[in-house]
């Protein structure tokens, strides 16, 4: 697409202010590249993230005052203009790309967006626009929780014998196992050869998580993780906890954690909810925020294209139905990612 064919304005979602979670559909100018890595992308699909409309209030240090409050940081789209600094990336007009745009910059709830080249990866040929937008945040978070911050060795994914022997000794427990991130954690841990993958989810989602690779399921509606672990601590304690929900669920994970194990959360610093009087020590207790790395996304894409992993989509909404999409997200019952179609090509 030549630059002369670009429209003067675009449809876009906009958070009414930093202090409100109201989102409106409006029009505005196309974004203009200002950074050497800026890539102008025509957005086809995008995905909301739980809690993103409260980030400006809750994490003001991460959301600059000058940020245009366009939500939906996950995108799948087509490259219009490659970055000025393209030598290390090799993107070309027409490339199908996807990414997680860093939260400090405008998201992808608009017809055009400006991700950075370092955030982007080419979409695996087997993924359509819907599945592509369902992948970045969830898969990146899970990848980094399991292989970067966590204790599983990713070399096992490519058959490294030493890595597989290492992973075969590690029992993994994941809370929120049927959700957007949890479904990827289950897949990655299983693919990497973990000794066990314990999925905490509701009973109706047991079949789905077992298909993804879960070896054990804890129905949190019937029994807490704490009580489940206490019932047979010798057999049930785990070496790695990946927590996605925080609160009481995360607190209970401390009981399930083996002495010297690692507990990783993307919701809450684990030490904040560690039960009083529990003297168990973790080798690593960490809250982390995902890094928007296209290099990680490219590795994930190899697994997807090989048919070894796949995203989970809860529902798909038209651009004008964005309020319904956010309502579905806020319900807390989504099974996978919620996708908003931005272009007619999606």
C-alpha atoms as a PDB file:
ATOM      1  CA  UNK A   1       0.000   0.000   0.000  1.00  0.00           C
ATOM      2  CA  UNK A   2       1.537   3.299  -0.998  1.00  0.00           C
ATOM      3  CA  UNK A   3       1.586   6.138   1.476  1.00  0.00           C
ATOM      4  CA  UNK A   4      -0.548   8.263  -0.875  1.00  0.00           C
ATOM      5  CA  UNK A   5      -3.441   5.848  -0.300  1.00  0.00           C
ATOM      6  CA  UNK A   6      -3.483   6.401   3.442  1.00  0.00           C
ATOM      7  CA  UNK A   7      -6.554   8.165   4.817  1.00  0.00           C
ATOM      8  CA  UNK A   8      -6.251  11.448   6.656  1.00  0.00           C
ATOM      9  CA  UNK A   9      -8.045  10.120   9.738  1.00  0.00           C
ATOM     10  CA  UNK A  10      -8.802   6.788  11.363  1.00  0.00           C
ATOM     11  CA  UNK A  11     -11.405   5.236  13.622  1.00  0.00           C
ATOM     12  CA  UNK A  12     -10.076   4.706  17.116  1.00  0.00           C
ATOM     13  CA  UNK A  13     -11.094   3.766  20.629  1.00  0.00           C
ATOM     14  CA  UNK A  14     -10.162   6.305  23.270  1.00  0.00           C
ATOM     15  CA  UNK A  15     -10.294   6.164  27.038  1.00  0.00           C
ATOM     16  CA  UNK A  16     -12.178   9.297  28.029  1.00  0.00           C
ATOM     17  CA  UNK A  17      -9.624  10.267  30.690  1.00  0.00           C
ATOM     18  CA  UNK A  18      -7.012   8.783  32.986  1.00  0.00           C
ATOM     19  CA  UNK A  19      -9.521   8.857  35.847  1.00  0.00           C
ATOM     20  CA  UNK A  20     -12.323   6.966  34.100  1.00  0.00           C
ATOM     21  CA  UNK A  21     -12.683   3.539  32.517  1.00  0.00           C
ATOM     22  CA  UNK A  22     -15.146   4.839  29.954  1.00  0.00           C
ATOM     23  CA  UNK A  23     -14.111   4.122  26.362  1.00  0.00           C
ATOM     24  CA  UNK A  24     -15.530   5.897  23.319  1.00  0.00           C
ATOM     25  CA  UNK A  25     -15.309   5.262  19.586  1.00  0.00           C
ATOM     26  CA  UNK A  26     -14.088   8.362  17.786  1.00  0.00           C
ATOM     27  CA  UNK A  27     -11.825   9.507  14.953  1.00  0.00           C
ATOM     28  CA  UNK A  28      -8.360  10.973  15.009  1.00  0.00           C
ATOM     29  CA  UNK A  29      -5.221  11.491  12.932  1.00  0.00           C
ATOM     30  CA  UNK A  30      -3.015   8.608  11.862  1.00  0.00           C
ATOM     31  CA  UNK A  31       0.049   8.138  14.098  1.00  0.00           C
ATOM     32  CA  UNK A  32       3.296   9.564  12.742  1.00  0.00           C
ATOM     33  CA  UNK A  33       6.596   7.687  13.268  1.00  0.00           C
ATOM     34  CA  UNK A  34       8.996   9.568  15.550  1.00  0.00           C
ATOM     35  CA  UNK A  35      11.282   6.773  16.751  1.00  0.00           C
ATOM     36  CA  UNK A  36      13.809   4.881  14.559  1.00  0.00           C
ATOM     37  CA  UNK A  37      12.020   1.613  15.359  1.00  0.00           C
ATOM     38  CA  UNK A  38       8.471   2.855  14.766  1.00  0.00           C
ATOM     39  CA  UNK A  39       6.555   0.680  12.287  1.00  0.00           C
ATOM     40  CA  UNK A  40       3.285   1.929  10.821  1.00  0.00           C
ATOM     41  CA  UNK A  41       0.891  -1.024  10.886  1.00  0.00           C
ATOM     42  CA  UNK A  42      -2.642  -1.344   9.624  1.00  0.00           C
ATOM     43  CA  UNK A  43      -4.468  -3.105  12.437  1.00  0.00           C
ATOM     44  CA  UNK A  44      -6.803  -5.978  11.590  1.00  0.00           C
ATOM     45  CA  UNK A  45      -7.453  -7.416  15.052  1.00  0.00           C
ATOM     46  CA  UNK A  46      -6.648  -6.400  18.614  1.00  0.00           C
ATOM     47  CA  UNK A  47      -7.271  -7.713  22.110  1.00  0.00           C
ATOM     48  CA  UNK A  48      -8.093  -6.068  25.460  1.00  0.00           C
ATOM     49  CA  UNK A  49      -6.234  -6.919  28.650  1.00  0.00           C
ATOM     50  CA  UNK A  50      -7.783  -7.336  32.065  1.00  0.00           C
ATOM     51  CA  UNK A  51      -7.432  -4.150  34.098  1.00  0.00           C
ATOM     52  CA  UNK A  52      -5.862  -2.037  31.369  1.00  0.00           C
ATOM     53  CA  UNK A  53      -8.368   0.790  31.777  1.00  0.00           C
ATOM     54  CA  UNK A  54      -7.162   1.334  35.350  1.00  0.00           C
ATOM     55  CA  UNK A  55      -3.438   1.317  34.585  1.00  0.00           C
ATOM     56  CA  UNK A  56      -3.133   5.093  34.325  1.00  0.00           C
ATOM     57  CA  UNK A  57      -4.484   5.456  37.863  1.00  0.00           C
ATOM     58  CA  UNK A  58      -2.865   2.398  39.436  1.00  0.00           C
ATOM     59  CA  UNK A  59       0.520   2.578  37.705  1.00  0.00           C
ATOM     60  CA  UNK A  60       1.075   6.273  36.879  1.00  0.00           C
ATOM     61  CA  UNK A  61       4.835   5.756  36.772  1.00  0.00           C
ATOM     62  CA  UNK A  62       4.359   3.413  33.784  1.00  0.00           C
ATOM     63  CA  UNK A  63       1.741   5.417  31.865  1.00  0.00           C
ATOM     64  CA  UNK A  64       3.178   8.803  30.791  1.00  0.00           C
ATOM     65  CA  UNK A  65       0.888  11.799  30.974  1.00  0.00           C
ATOM     66  CA  UNK A  66       1.411  12.424  27.265  1.00  0.00           C
ATOM     67  CA  UNK A  67       0.208   8.960  26.258  1.00  0.00           C
ATOM     68  CA  UNK A  68      -2.803   9.005  23.940  1.00  0.00           C
ATOM     69  CA  UNK A  69      -5.087   6.602  25.810  1.00  0.00           C
ATOM     70  CA  UNK A  70      -5.871   4.188  22.982  1.00  0.00           C
ATOM     71  CA  UNK A  71      -6.481   0.772  24.601  1.00  0.00           C
ATOM     72  CA  UNK A  72      -5.808  -2.779  23.342  1.00  0.00           C
ATOM     73  CA  UNK A  73      -2.064  -3.347  23.420  1.00  0.00           C
ATOM     74  CA  UNK A  74      -2.176  -6.651  21.486  1.00  0.00           C
ATOM     75  CA  UNK A  75      -2.340  -6.361  17.712  1.00  0.00           C
ATOM     76  CA  UNK A  76      -2.199  -8.302  14.483  1.00  0.00           C
ATOM     77  CA  UNK A  77      -1.868  -6.365  11.262  1.00  0.00           C
ATOM     78  CA  UNK A  78      -0.038  -5.524   8.067  1.00  0.00           C
ATOM     79  CA  UNK A  79       3.151  -3.462   7.790  1.00  0.00           C
ATOM     80  CA  UNK A  80       2.562  -0.224   5.876  1.00  0.00           C
ATOM     81  CA  UNK A  81       5.869   1.547   6.531  1.00  0.00           C
ATOM     82  CA  UNK A  82       8.952  -0.333   7.839  1.00  0.00           C
ATOM     83  CA  UNK A  83      11.102   1.270  10.540  1.00  0.00           C
ATOM     84  CA  UNK A  84      13.800   3.754   9.645  1.00  0.00           C
ATOM     85  CA  UNK A  85      16.257   1.518  11.495  1.00  0.00           C
ATOM     86  CA  UNK A  86      15.373  -1.736   9.730  1.00  0.00           C
ATOM     87  CA  UNK A  87      18.756  -3.413   9.207  1.00  0.00           C
ATOM     88  CA  UNK A  88      18.361  -5.769  12.149  1.00  0.00           C
ATOM     89  CA  UNK A  89      14.697  -6.522  11.517  1.00  0.00           C
ATOM     90  CA  UNK A  90      14.018  -6.806   7.796  1.00  0.00           C
ATOM     91  CA  UNK A  91      10.345  -5.911   7.829  1.00  0.00           C
ATOM     92  CA  UNK A  92       8.729  -5.062   4.491  1.00  0.00           C
ATOM     93  CA  UNK A  93       5.433  -3.481   3.436  1.00  0.00           C
ATOM     94  CA  UNK A  94       2.745  -6.139   3.405  1.00  0.00           C
ATOM     95  CA  UNK A  95       4.309  -8.339   6.088  1.00  0.00           C
ATOM     96  CA  UNK A  96       1.771  -9.926   8.434  1.00  0.00           C
ATOM     97  CA  UNK A  97       2.947  -9.067  11.939  1.00  0.00           C
ATOM     98  CA  UNK A  98       1.796  -9.301  15.529  1.00  0.00           C
ATOM     99  CA  UNK A  99       2.985  -8.001  18.861  1.00  0.00           C
ATOM    100  CA  UNK A 100       2.307  -6.604  22.270  1.00  0.00           C
ATOM    101  CA  UNK A 101       2.745  -2.820  22.215  1.00  0.00           C
ATOM    102  CA  UNK A 102       4.378  -1.588  25.409  1.00  0.00           C
ATOM    103  CA  UNK A 103       1.786  -0.108  27.758  1.00  0.00           C
ATOM    104  CA  UNK A 104       3.610   3.219  27.908  1.00  0.00           C
ATOM    105  CA  UNK A 105       2.525   3.948  24.313  1.00  0.00           C
ATOM    106  CA  UNK A 106      -0.850   4.058  22.526  1.00  0.00           C
ATOM    107  CA  UNK A 107      -2.394   0.653  21.918  1.00  0.00           C
ATOM    108  CA  UNK A 108      -3.967  -0.979  18.881  1.00  0.00           C
ATOM    109  CA  UNK A 109      -7.608  -0.016  19.306  1.00  0.00           C
ATOM    110  CA  UNK A 110      -7.357   1.980  16.098  1.00  0.00           C
ATOM    111  CA  UNK A 111      -7.128   1.377  12.369  1.00  0.00           C
ATOM    112  CA  UNK A 112      -3.403   2.159  12.390  1.00  0.00           C
ATOM    113  CA  UNK A 113      -0.815   1.762  15.141  1.00  0.00           C
ATOM    114  CA  UNK A 114       2.901   2.340  15.773  1.00  0.00           C
ATOM    115  CA  UNK A 115       4.512  -0.712  17.370  1.00  0.00           C
ATOM    116  CA  UNK A 116       8.307  -0.821  17.607  1.00  0.00           C
ATOM    117  CA  UNK A 117      10.269  -3.218  15.420  1.00  0.00           C
ATOM    118  CA  UNK A 118      11.758  -4.895  18.504  1.00  0.00           C
ATOM    119  CA  UNK A 119       8.238  -5.771  19.656  1.00  0.00           C
ATOM    120  CA  UNK A 120       7.145  -7.302  16.362  1.00  0.00           C
ATOM    121  CA  UNK A 121       7.355 -10.777  14.907  1.00  0.00           C
ATOM    122  CA  UNK A 122       5.985 -12.171  11.676  1.00  0.00           C
ATOM    123  CA  UNK A 123       2.761 -14.081  12.111  1.00  0.00           C
ATOM    124  CA  UNK A 124       3.105 -17.846  11.548  1.00  0.00           C
ATOM    125  CA  UNK A 125       1.427 -18.694   8.224  1.00  0.00           C
ATOM    126  CA  UNK A 126      -1.009 -21.071   9.929  1.00  0.00           C
ATOM    127  CA  UNK A 127      -2.539 -18.318  12.094  1.00  0.00           C
ATOM    128  CA  UNK A 128      -5.447 -16.190  10.923  1.00  0.00           C
ATOM    129  CA  UNK A 129      -5.987 -12.643  12.144  1.00  0.00           C
ATOM    130  CA  UNK A 130      -8.161 -13.783  15.060  1.00  0.00           C
ATOM    131  CA  UNK A 131      -5.711 -16.291  16.486  1.00  0.00           C
ATOM    132  CA  UNK A 132      -2.782 -13.961  15.835  1.00  0.00           C
ATOM    133  CA  UNK A 133      -4.202 -11.213  18.048  1.00  0.00           C
ATOM    134  CA  UNK A 134      -4.942 -13.807  20.737  1.00  0.00           C
ATOM    135  CA  UNK A 135      -1.276 -14.732  21.016  1.00  0.00           C
ATOM    136  CA  UNK A 136       1.165 -11.932  21.999  1.00  0.00           C
ATOM    137  CA  UNK A 137       0.452 -10.888  25.591  1.00  0.00           C
ATOM    138  CA  UNK A 138      -0.733 -14.259  26.804  1.00  0.00           C
ATOM    139  CA  UNK A 139       2.004 -16.285  25.139  1.00  0.00           C
ATOM    140  CA  UNK A 140       4.789 -13.838  26.009  1.00  0.00           C
ATOM    141  CA  UNK A 141       3.740 -13.689  29.651  1.00  0.00           C
ATOM    142  CA  UNK A 142       3.593 -17.453  29.898  1.00  0.00           C
ATOM    143  CA  UNK A 143       6.907 -17.918  28.064  1.00  0.00           C
ATOM    144  CA  UNK A 144       8.728 -15.521  30.358  1.00  0.00           C
ATOM    145  CA  UNK A 145       7.063 -16.908  33.496  1.00  0.00           C
ATOM    146  CA  UNK A 146       8.042 -20.470  32.633  1.00  0.00           C
ATOM    147  CA  UNK A 147      11.405 -20.121  30.883  1.00  0.00           C
ATOM    148  CA  UNK A 148      12.851 -16.700  31.769  1.00  0.00           C
ATOM    149  CA  UNK A 149      11.702 -16.070  35.338  1.00  0.00           C
ATOM    150  CA  UNK A 150      10.742 -19.663  36.060  1.00  0.00           C
ATOM    151  CA  UNK A 151      12.927 -22.764  36.327  1.00  0.00           C
ATOM    152  CA  UNK A 152      12.101 -24.813  33.221  1.00  0.00           C
ATOM    153  CA  UNK A 153      14.771 -24.948  30.500  1.00  0.00           C
ATOM    154  CA  UNK A 154      13.459 -23.957  27.066  1.00  0.00           C
ATOM    155  CA  UNK A 155      16.201 -25.975  25.330  1.00  0.00           C
ATOM    156  CA  UNK A 156      14.020 -28.997  26.042  1.00  0.00           C
ATOM    157  CA  UNK A 157      11.582 -27.729  23.416  1.00  0.00           C
ATOM    158  CA  UNK A 158      14.150 -28.580  20.768  1.00  0.00           C
ATOM    159  CA  UNK A 159      14.998 -31.949  22.239  1.00  0.00           C
ATOM    160  CA  UNK A 160      18.047 -31.106  24.352  1.00  0.00           C
ATOM    161  CA  UNK A 161      18.531 -34.201  26.512  1.00  0.00           C
ATOM    162  CA  UNK A 162      20.100 -32.405  29.476  1.00  0.00           C
ATOM    163  CA  UNK A 163      17.305 -29.836  29.529  1.00  0.00           C
ATOM    164  CA  UNK A 164      14.620 -32.509  29.338  1.00  0.00           C
ATOM    165  CA  UNK A 165      16.240 -34.414  32.201  1.00  0.00           C
ATOM    166  CA  UNK A 166      16.263 -31.200  34.247  1.00  0.00           C
ATOM    167  CA  UNK A 167      12.620 -30.417  33.487  1.00  0.00           C
ATOM    168  CA  UNK A 168      11.518 -33.992  34.206  1.00  0.00           C
ATOM    169  CA  UNK A 169      12.224 -33.358  37.890  1.00  0.00           C
ATOM    170  CA  UNK A 170      10.017 -30.253  38.134  1.00  0.00           C
ATOM    171  CA  UNK A 171       6.368 -30.255  39.156  1.00  0.00           C
ATOM    172  CA  UNK A 172       4.583 -27.097  37.980  1.00  0.00           C
ATOM    173  CA  UNK A 173       1.370 -25.591  39.350  1.00  0.00           C
ATOM    174  CA  UNK A 174      -0.496 -22.830  37.519  1.00  0.00           C
ATOM    175  CA  UNK A 175      -3.467 -20.858  38.827  1.00  0.00           C
ATOM    176  CA  UNK A 176      -6.023 -19.529  36.352  1.00  0.00           C
ATOM    177  CA  UNK A 177      -4.966 -22.410  34.126  1.00  0.00           C
ATOM    178  CA  UNK A 178      -7.833 -22.135  31.656  1.00  0.00           C
ATOM    179  CA  UNK A 179      -7.405 -18.416  30.978  1.00  0.00           C
ATOM    180  CA  UNK A 180      -5.532 -16.599  28.258  1.00  0.00           C
ATOM    181  CA  UNK A 181      -2.119 -16.821  29.937  1.00  0.00           C
ATOM    182  CA  UNK A 182      -2.742 -20.006  31.891  1.00  0.00           C
ATOM    183  CA  UNK A 183      -3.534 -22.042  28.797  1.00  0.00           C
ATOM    184  CA  UNK A 184      -0.110 -21.133  27.394  1.00  0.00           C
ATOM    185  CA  UNK A 185       1.662 -21.938  30.684  1.00  0.00           C
ATOM    186  CA  UNK A 186       0.110 -25.397  30.640  1.00  0.00           C
ATOM    187  CA  UNK A 187       1.175 -25.955  27.041  1.00  0.00           C
ATOM    188  CA  UNK A 188       4.746 -24.709  27.494  1.00  0.00           C
ATOM    189  CA  UNK A 189       5.323 -26.686  30.691  1.00  0.00           C
ATOM    190  CA  UNK A 190       3.972 -29.864  29.122  1.00  0.00           C
ATOM    191  CA  UNK A 191       5.943 -29.404  25.896  1.00  0.00           C
ATOM    192  CA  UNK A 192       9.120 -28.804  27.907  1.00  0.00           C
ATOM    193  CA  UNK A 193       8.687 -32.134  29.662  1.00  0.00           C
ATOM    194  CA  UNK A 194       7.771 -31.054  33.193  1.00  0.00           C
ATOM    195  CA  UNK A 195       7.292 -33.941  35.631  1.00  0.00           C
ATOM    196  CA  UNK A 196       3.732 -32.778  36.254  1.00  0.00           C
ATOM    197  CA  UNK A 197       1.517 -29.851  35.275  1.00  0.00           C
ATOM    198  CA  UNK A 198      -1.068 -29.082  37.942  1.00  0.00           C
ATOM    199  CA  UNK A 199      -3.861 -26.879  36.635  1.00  0.00           C
ATOM    200  CA  UNK A 200      -6.029 -24.895  39.042  1.00  0.00           C
ATOM    201  CA  UNK A 201      -9.360 -24.156  37.366  1.00  0.00           C
ATOM    202  CA  UNK A 202     -13.070 -24.943  37.575  1.00  0.00           C
ATOM    203  CA  UNK A 203     -14.356 -28.450  36.910  1.00  0.00           C
ATOM    204  CA  UNK A 204     -16.034 -27.532  33.633  1.00  0.00           C
ATOM    205  CA  UNK A 205     -12.667 -26.532  32.210  1.00  0.00           C
ATOM    206  CA  UNK A 206     -10.852 -29.711  33.235  1.00  0.00           C
ATOM    207  CA  UNK A 207     -11.186 -31.398  29.849  1.00  0.00           C
ATOM    208  CA  UNK A 208      -9.818 -28.348  28.053  1.00  0.00           C
ATOM    209  CA  UNK A 209      -6.718 -28.004  30.238  1.00  0.00           C
ATOM    210  CA  UNK A 210      -6.002 -31.725  30.092  1.00  0.00           C
ATOM    211  CA  UNK A 211      -6.003 -31.505  26.308  1.00  0.00           C
ATOM    212  CA  UNK A 212      -3.402 -28.754  26.617  1.00  0.00           C
ATOM    213  CA  UNK A 213      -1.171 -31.011  28.711  1.00  0.00           C
ATOM    214  CA  UNK A 214      -2.293 -30.743  32.334  1.00  0.00           C
ATOM    215  CA  UNK A 215      -1.618 -33.948  34.275  1.00  0.00           C
ATOM    216  CA  UNK A 216      -3.535 -32.993  37.429  1.00  0.00           C
ATOM    217  CA  UNK A 217      -6.472 -30.619  37.993  1.00  0.00           C
ATOM    218  CA  UNK A 218      -7.510 -28.829  41.177  1.00  0.00           C
ATOM    219  CA  UNK A 219     -11.113 -27.578  41.162  1.00  0.00           C
ATOM    220  CA  UNK A 220     -10.793 -24.403  43.228  1.00  0.00           C
ATOM    221  CA  UNK A 221     -14.547 -24.292  43.730  1.00  0.00           C
ATOM    222  CA  UNK A 222     -14.424 -27.561  45.672  1.00  0.00           C
ATOM    223  CA  UNK A 223     -11.071 -27.328  47.416  1.00  0.00           C
ATOM    224  CA  UNK A 224      -8.473 -24.641  47.996  1.00  0.00           C
ATOM    225  CA  UNK A 225      -4.949 -25.142  46.709  1.00  0.00           C
ATOM    226  CA  UNK A 226      -3.804 -25.022  50.330  1.00  0.00           C
ATOM    227  CA  UNK A 227      -6.102 -27.852  51.438  1.00  0.00           C
ATOM    228  CA  UNK A 228      -5.347 -29.866  48.310  1.00  0.00           C
ATOM    229  CA  UNK A 229      -1.623 -29.676  49.044  1.00  0.00           C
ATOM    230  CA  UNK A 230      -2.013 -30.496  52.749  1.00  0.00           C
ATOM    231  CA  UNK A 231      -4.004 -33.653  51.943  1.00  0.00           C
ATOM    232  CA  UNK A 232      -0.872 -35.326  50.562  1.00  0.00           C
ATOM    233  CA  UNK A 233       2.054 -32.920  50.803  1.00  0.00           C
ATOM    234  CA  UNK A 234       4.710 -35.503  49.951  1.00  0.00           C
ATOM    235  CA  UNK A 235       3.106 -36.281  46.599  1.00  0.00           C
ATOM    236  CA  UNK A 236       1.525 -32.935  45.789  1.00  0.00           C
ATOM    237  CA  UNK A 237       4.110 -30.268  46.585  1.00  0.00           C
ATOM    238  CA  UNK A 238       5.426 -28.486  43.493  1.00  0.00           C
ATOM    239  CA  UNK A 239       8.754 -27.010  42.457  1.00  0.00           C
ATOM    240  CA  UNK A 240       7.414 -24.093  40.414  1.00  0.00           C
ATOM    241  CA  UNK A 241       4.260 -22.034  40.893  1.00  0.00           C
ATOM    242  CA  UNK A 242       3.061 -19.719  38.138  1.00  0.00           C
ATOM    243  CA  UNK A 243       0.319 -17.538  39.593  1.00  0.00           C
ATOM    244  CA  UNK A 244      -2.028 -15.471  37.456  1.00  0.00           C
ATOM    245  CA  UNK A 245      -4.758 -14.521  39.935  1.00  0.00           C
ATOM    246  CA  UNK A 246      -3.187 -13.289  43.191  1.00  0.00           C
ATOM    247  CA  UNK A 247      -5.191 -13.031  46.417  1.00  0.00           C
ATOM    248  CA  UNK A 248      -6.143 -16.117  48.412  1.00  0.00           C
ATOM    249  CA  UNK A 249      -5.255 -18.355  45.512  1.00  0.00           C
ATOM    250  CA  UNK A 250      -1.666 -17.141  45.535  1.00  0.00           C
ATOM    251  CA  UNK A 251      -1.505 -17.358  49.337  1.00  0.00           C
ATOM    252  CA  UNK A 252      -2.532 -20.998  49.150  1.00  0.00           C
ATOM    253  CA  UNK A 253       0.202 -21.694  46.629  1.00  0.00           C
ATOM    254  CA  UNK A 254       2.789 -21.139  49.342  1.00  0.00           C
ATOM    255  CA  UNK A 255       1.523 -24.278  51.063  1.00  0.00           C
ATOM    256  CA  UNK A 256       1.770 -26.209  47.801  1.00  0.00           C
ATOM    257  CA  UNK A 257       5.333 -24.996  47.145  1.00  0.00           C
ATOM    258  CA  UNK A 258       8.192 -27.292  48.015  1.00  0.00           C
ATOM    259  CA  UNK A 259      10.925 -25.853  50.264  1.00  0.00           C
ATOM    260  CA  UNK A 260      13.334 -24.037  47.968  1.00  0.00           C
ATOM    261  CA  UNK A 261      10.915 -23.949  45.055  1.00  0.00           C
ATOM    262  CA  UNK A 262      10.152 -20.909  42.907  1.00  0.00           C
ATOM    263  CA  UNK A 263       6.927 -18.898  42.990  1.00  0.00           C
ATOM    264  CA  UNK A 264       6.284 -16.471  40.126  1.00  0.00           C
ATOM    265  CA  UNK A 265       3.278 -14.148  39.858  1.00  0.00           C
ATOM    266  CA  UNK A 266       2.097 -11.644  37.272  1.00  0.00           C
ATOM    267  CA  UNK A 267      -0.584 -10.388  39.669  1.00  0.00           C
ATOM    268  CA  UNK A 268       0.913  -9.757  43.121  1.00  0.00           C
ATOM    269  CA  UNK A 269       4.336  -9.905  44.808  1.00  0.00           C
ATOM    270  CA  UNK A 270       4.127 -13.382  46.389  1.00  0.00           C
ATOM    271  CA  UNK A 271       5.702 -12.311  49.689  1.00  0.00           C
ATOM    272  CA  UNK A 272       2.818  -9.874  50.266  1.00  0.00           C
ATOM    273  CA  UNK A 273       0.336 -12.738  50.666  1.00  0.00           C
ATOM    274  CA  UNK A 274       2.638 -15.331  52.245  1.00  0.00           C
ATOM    275  CA  UNK A 275       0.690 -16.852  55.171  1.00  0.00           C
ATOM    276  CA  UNK A 276       1.774 -15.564  58.572  1.00  0.00           C
ATOM    277  CA  UNK A 277       3.905 -18.048  60.445  1.00  0.00           C
ATOM    278  CA  UNK A 278       4.835 -20.057  57.369  1.00  0.00           C
ATOM    279  CA  UNK A 279       8.608 -20.406  57.526  1.00  0.00           C
ATOM    280  CA  UNK A 280       9.011 -22.057  54.151  1.00  0.00           C
ATOM    281  CA  UNK A 281      11.621 -20.347  51.962  1.00  0.00           C
ATOM    282  CA  UNK A 282      11.489 -20.011  48.196  1.00  0.00           C
ATOM    283  CA  UNK A 283      14.566 -19.940  45.992  1.00  0.00           C
ATOM    284  CA  UNK A 284      12.770 -17.248  44.029  1.00  0.00           C
ATOM    285  CA  UNK A 285       9.677 -15.216  44.903  1.00  0.00           C
ATOM    286  CA  UNK A 286       8.903 -12.769  42.140  1.00  0.00           C
ATOM    287  CA  UNK A 287       6.279 -10.471  40.652  1.00  0.00           C
ATOM    288  CA  UNK A 288       7.140  -9.464  37.112  1.00  0.00           C
ATOM    289  CA  UNK A 289       5.740  -7.482  34.201  1.00  0.00           C
ATOM    290  CA  UNK A 290       6.059  -8.956  30.738  1.00  0.00           C
ATOM    291  CA  UNK A 291       8.663  -7.593  28.328  1.00  0.00           C
ATOM    292  CA  UNK A 292       7.359  -6.945  24.823  1.00  0.00           C
ATOM    293  CA  UNK A 293      10.037  -8.902  22.977  1.00  0.00           C
ATOM    294  CA  UNK A 294       9.489  -9.852  19.368  1.00  0.00           C
ATOM    295  CA  UNK A 295      12.373 -12.310  19.669  1.00  0.00           C
ATOM    296  CA  UNK A 296      10.427 -14.354  22.238  1.00  0.00           C
ATOM    297  CA  UNK A 297       7.325 -14.133  20.067  1.00  0.00           C
ATOM    298  CA  UNK A 298       9.287 -15.501  17.108  1.00  0.00           C
ATOM    299  CA  UNK A 299      10.302 -18.549  19.186  1.00  0.00           C
ATOM    300  CA  UNK A 300       6.687 -19.069  20.181  1.00  0.00           C
ATOM    301  CA  UNK A 301       5.717 -18.783  16.519  1.00  0.00           C
ATOM    302  CA  UNK A 302       7.959 -21.747  15.691  1.00  0.00           C
ATOM    303  CA  UNK A 303       5.993 -23.910  18.137  1.00  0.00           C
ATOM    304  CA  UNK A 304       2.705 -22.686  16.699  1.00  0.00           C
ATOM    305  CA  UNK A 305       3.742 -23.383  13.123  1.00  0.00           C
ATOM    306  CA  UNK A 306       4.939 -26.854  14.120  1.00  0.00           C
ATOM    307  CA  UNK A 307       1.458 -27.549  15.489  1.00  0.00           C
ATOM    308  CA  UNK A 308       2.741 -27.943  19.040  1.00  0.00           C
ATOM    309  CA  UNK A 309       0.972 -24.953  20.633  1.00  0.00           C
ATOM    310  CA  UNK A 310      -1.996 -22.763  19.859  1.00  0.00           C
ATOM    311  CA  UNK A 311      -3.899 -19.787  21.280  1.00  0.00           C
ATOM    312  CA  UNK A 312      -7.300 -20.037  22.931  1.00  0.00           C
ATOM    313  CA  UNK A 313     -10.007 -17.621  21.793  1.00  0.00           C
ATOM    314  CA  UNK A 314     -13.024 -16.931  23.987  1.00  0.00           C
ATOM    315  CA  UNK A 315     -15.035 -14.678  21.689  1.00  0.00           C
ATOM    316  CA  UNK A 316     -14.793 -12.310  18.728  1.00  0.00           C
ATOM    317  CA  UNK A 317     -16.440  -8.888  18.498  1.00  0.00           C
ATOM    318  CA  UNK A 318     -16.888  -6.255  15.829  1.00  0.00           C
ATOM    319  CA  UNK A 319     -15.161  -2.914  16.362  1.00  0.00           C
ATOM    320  CA  UNK A 320     -18.469  -1.214  17.179  1.00  0.00           C
ATOM    321  CA  UNK A 321     -19.159  -3.892  19.831  1.00  0.00           C
ATOM    322  CA  UNK A 322     -16.137  -2.914  21.936  1.00  0.00           C
ATOM    323  CA  UNK A 323     -18.295  -2.261  25.016  1.00  0.00           C
ATOM    324  CA  UNK A 324     -19.613  -5.821  24.897  1.00  0.00           C
ATOM    325  CA  UNK A 325     -16.055  -7.099  24.520  1.00  0.00           C
ATOM    326  CA  UNK A 326     -14.915  -5.220  27.625  1.00  0.00           C
ATOM    327  CA  UNK A 327     -18.004  -6.433  29.508  1.00  0.00           C
ATOM    328  CA  UNK A 328     -17.135 -10.016  28.623  1.00  0.00           C
ATOM    329  CA  UNK A 329     -13.596  -9.426  29.871  1.00  0.00           C
ATOM    330  CA  UNK A 330     -14.832  -7.853  33.098  1.00  0.00           C
ATOM    331  CA  UNK A 331     -17.128 -10.824  33.755  1.00  0.00           C
ATOM    332  CA  UNK A 332     -14.097 -12.888  34.706  1.00  0.00           C
ATOM    333  CA  UNK A 333     -15.490 -15.928  32.896  1.00  0.00           C
ATOM    334  CA  UNK A 334     -13.631 -15.716  29.612  1.00  0.00           C
ATOM    335  CA  UNK A 335     -12.007 -18.949  28.473  1.00  0.00           C
ATOM    336  CA  UNK A 336      -9.096 -17.573  26.494  1.00  0.00           C
ATOM    337  CA  UNK A 337      -8.665 -14.249  24.727  1.00  0.00           C
ATOM    338  CA  UNK A 338     -11.330 -11.780  23.690  1.00  0.00           C
ATOM    339  CA  UNK A 339     -10.725 -10.411  20.194  1.00  0.00           C
ATOM    340  CA  UNK A 340     -11.962  -7.209  18.573  1.00  0.00           C
ATOM    341  CA  UNK A 341     -12.021  -7.025  14.770  1.00  0.00           C
ATOM    342  CA  UNK A 342     -10.719  -3.616  13.728  1.00  0.00           C
ATOM    343  CA  UNK A 343     -10.656  -3.978   9.944  1.00  0.00           C
ATOM    344  CA  UNK A 344     -13.051  -5.576   7.497  1.00  0.00           C
ATOM    345  CA  UNK A 345     -10.336  -8.040   6.490  1.00  0.00           C
ATOM    346  CA  UNK A 346     -10.289  -9.780   9.864  1.00  0.00           C
END
